[in-house]
């Protein structure tokens, strides 16, 4: 029998953050952690510093989830970029 050693720190709830994966007990989406880590080049420690209340294990769980679901999350990042671009054109 396999024993689960760590509770999942990543949750989805259709009523919170539009159902996007987020850190349990927060509104910090995995997408935000991915952007800070992958695109801004922030270290996991820096991400913790910028989000009081996040534990290092939360950040690492978010990064791991991102890499396991990279295609899905990158698609959402691109959709958000496209939306922001459209808003800029309206100005």
C-alpha atoms as a PDB file:
ATOM      1  CA  UNK A   1       0.000   0.000   0.000  1.00  0.00           C
ATOM      2  CA  UNK A   2       1.283   3.448  -0.921  1.00  0.00           C
ATOM      3  CA  UNK A   3       1.111   6.157   1.716  1.00  0.00           C
ATOM      4  CA  UNK A   4       0.559   9.808   0.798  1.00  0.00           C
ATOM      5  CA  UNK A   5       3.304  11.743   2.564  1.00  0.00           C
ATOM      6  CA  UNK A   6       2.393  15.337   1.769  1.00  0.00           C
ATOM      7  CA  UNK A   7      -0.977  17.032   1.400  1.00  0.00           C
ATOM      8  CA  UNK A   8      -1.503  18.855  -1.840  1.00  0.00           C
ATOM      9  CA  UNK A   9      -0.793  22.543  -1.575  1.00  0.00           C
ATOM     10  CA  UNK A  10      -2.353  23.251  -4.956  1.00  0.00           C
ATOM     11  CA  UNK A  11      -6.138  23.473  -5.191  1.00  0.00           C
ATOM     12  CA  UNK A  12      -8.794  24.408  -7.727  1.00  0.00           C
ATOM     13  CA  UNK A  13     -12.192  25.811  -6.786  1.00  0.00           C
ATOM     14  CA  UNK A  14     -14.551  27.054  -9.478  1.00  0.00           C
ATOM     15  CA  UNK A  15     -15.674  29.873  -7.164  1.00  0.00           C
ATOM     16  CA  UNK A  16     -12.170  31.186  -6.390  1.00  0.00           C
ATOM     17  CA  UNK A  17      -9.778  32.691  -8.966  1.00  0.00           C
ATOM     18  CA  UNK A  18     -11.961  31.469 -11.794  1.00  0.00           C
ATOM     19  CA  UNK A  19     -11.123  27.857 -10.996  1.00  0.00           C
ATOM     20  CA  UNK A  20      -7.443  28.311 -11.805  1.00  0.00           C
ATOM     21  CA  UNK A  21      -4.922  26.331  -9.749  1.00  0.00           C
ATOM     22  CA  UNK A  22      -3.762  28.275  -6.722  1.00  0.00           C
ATOM     23  CA  UNK A  23      -1.879  27.856  -3.470  1.00  0.00           C
ATOM     24  CA  UNK A  24      -4.218  26.402  -0.849  1.00  0.00           C
ATOM     25  CA  UNK A  25      -5.499  29.021   1.598  1.00  0.00           C
ATOM     26  CA  UNK A  26      -4.559  31.931  -0.680  1.00  0.00           C
ATOM     27  CA  UNK A  27      -5.615  33.620  -3.888  1.00  0.00           C
ATOM     28  CA  UNK A  28      -2.109  33.312  -5.304  1.00  0.00           C
ATOM     29  CA  UNK A  29      -2.393  31.447  -8.572  1.00  0.00           C
ATOM     30  CA  UNK A  30       0.207  28.983  -9.786  1.00  0.00           C
ATOM     31  CA  UNK A  31       0.302  31.167 -12.897  1.00  0.00           C
ATOM     32  CA  UNK A  32       1.644  34.075 -10.810  1.00  0.00           C
ATOM     33  CA  UNK A  33       4.359  31.942  -9.257  1.00  0.00           C
ATOM     34  CA  UNK A  34       5.303  30.640 -12.717  1.00  0.00           C
ATOM     35  CA  UNK A  35       5.572  34.167 -14.111  1.00  0.00           C
ATOM     36  CA  UNK A  36       7.736  35.333 -11.230  1.00  0.00           C
ATOM     37  CA  UNK A  37       9.984  32.277 -11.365  1.00  0.00           C
ATOM     38  CA  UNK A  38      10.197  31.574 -15.081  1.00  0.00           C
ATOM     39  CA  UNK A  39       9.806  35.014 -16.667  1.00  0.00           C
ATOM     40  CA  UNK A  40      11.058  37.437 -14.004  1.00  0.00           C
ATOM     41  CA  UNK A  41      13.820  35.108 -12.842  1.00  0.00           C
ATOM     42  CA  UNK A  42      12.912  35.400  -9.162  1.00  0.00           C
ATOM     43  CA  UNK A  43      14.229  32.765  -6.782  1.00  0.00           C
ATOM     44  CA  UNK A  44      11.771  30.797  -4.639  1.00  0.00           C
ATOM     45  CA  UNK A  45      13.027  32.784  -1.626  1.00  0.00           C
ATOM     46  CA  UNK A  46      12.286  36.077  -3.393  1.00  0.00           C
ATOM     47  CA  UNK A  47       8.792  34.880  -4.286  1.00  0.00           C
ATOM     48  CA  UNK A  48       8.213  34.132  -0.591  1.00  0.00           C
ATOM     49  CA  UNK A  49       9.489  37.582   0.335  1.00  0.00           C
ATOM     50  CA  UNK A  50       7.081  39.211  -2.128  1.00  0.00           C
ATOM     51  CA  UNK A  51       4.086  37.198  -0.873  1.00  0.00           C
ATOM     52  CA  UNK A  52       4.008  37.283   2.934  1.00  0.00           C
ATOM     53  CA  UNK A  53       2.336  34.177   4.244  1.00  0.00           C
ATOM     54  CA  UNK A  54       3.650  31.874   1.522  1.00  0.00           C
ATOM     55  CA  UNK A  55       5.977  29.157   2.680  1.00  0.00           C
ATOM     56  CA  UNK A  56       8.917  27.969   0.643  1.00  0.00           C
ATOM     57  CA  UNK A  57       7.197  24.607   0.269  1.00  0.00           C
ATOM     58  CA  UNK A  58       4.166  26.404  -1.251  1.00  0.00           C
ATOM     59  CA  UNK A  59       6.364  28.056  -3.855  1.00  0.00           C
ATOM     60  CA  UNK A  60       8.116  24.810  -4.729  1.00  0.00           C
ATOM     61  CA  UNK A  61       4.745  23.063  -5.000  1.00  0.00           C
ATOM     62  CA  UNK A  62       3.583  25.824  -7.352  1.00  0.00           C
ATOM     63  CA  UNK A  63       6.698  25.526  -9.497  1.00  0.00           C
ATOM     64  CA  UNK A  64       6.366  21.733  -9.646  1.00  0.00           C
ATOM     65  CA  UNK A  65       2.682  22.015 -10.579  1.00  0.00           C
ATOM     66  CA  UNK A  66       3.573  24.521 -13.291  1.00  0.00           C
ATOM     67  CA  UNK A  67       6.104  22.194 -14.892  1.00  0.00           C
ATOM     68  CA  UNK A  68       3.672  19.270 -14.698  1.00  0.00           C
ATOM     69  CA  UNK A  69       0.966  21.390 -16.380  1.00  0.00           C
ATOM     70  CA  UNK A  70       3.106  23.805 -18.394  1.00  0.00           C
ATOM     71  CA  UNK A  71       1.071  23.700 -21.605  1.00  0.00           C
ATOM     72  CA  UNK A  72      -2.205  24.521 -19.821  1.00  0.00           C
ATOM     73  CA  UNK A  73      -0.737  27.328 -17.701  1.00  0.00           C
ATOM     74  CA  UNK A  74       1.286  28.832 -20.559  1.00  0.00           C
ATOM     75  CA  UNK A  75      -1.926  28.938 -22.592  1.00  0.00           C
ATOM     76  CA  UNK A  76      -3.636  30.929 -19.824  1.00  0.00           C
ATOM     77  CA  UNK A  77      -0.637  33.274 -19.569  1.00  0.00           C
ATOM     78  CA  UNK A  78      -0.848  33.911 -23.323  1.00  0.00           C
ATOM     79  CA  UNK A  79      -4.603  34.521 -23.125  1.00  0.00           C
ATOM     80  CA  UNK A  80      -4.032  37.096 -20.395  1.00  0.00           C
ATOM     81  CA  UNK A  81      -1.282  38.776 -22.441  1.00  0.00           C
ATOM     82  CA  UNK A  82      -3.608  38.960 -25.449  1.00  0.00           C
ATOM     83  CA  UNK A  83      -6.365  40.457 -23.306  1.00  0.00           C
ATOM     84  CA  UNK A  84      -3.974  43.064 -21.856  1.00  0.00           C
ATOM     85  CA  UNK A  85      -2.817  43.925 -25.366  1.00  0.00           C
ATOM     86  CA  UNK A  86      -6.413  44.497 -26.480  1.00  0.00           C
ATOM     87  CA  UNK A  87      -6.987  46.781 -23.481  1.00  0.00           C
ATOM     88  CA  UNK A  88      -3.907  48.821 -24.404  1.00  0.00           C
ATOM     89  CA  UNK A  89      -5.295  49.377 -27.905  1.00  0.00           C
ATOM     90  CA  UNK A  90      -8.547  50.772 -26.478  1.00  0.00           C
ATOM     91  CA  UNK A  91      -6.757  53.654 -24.714  1.00  0.00           C
END
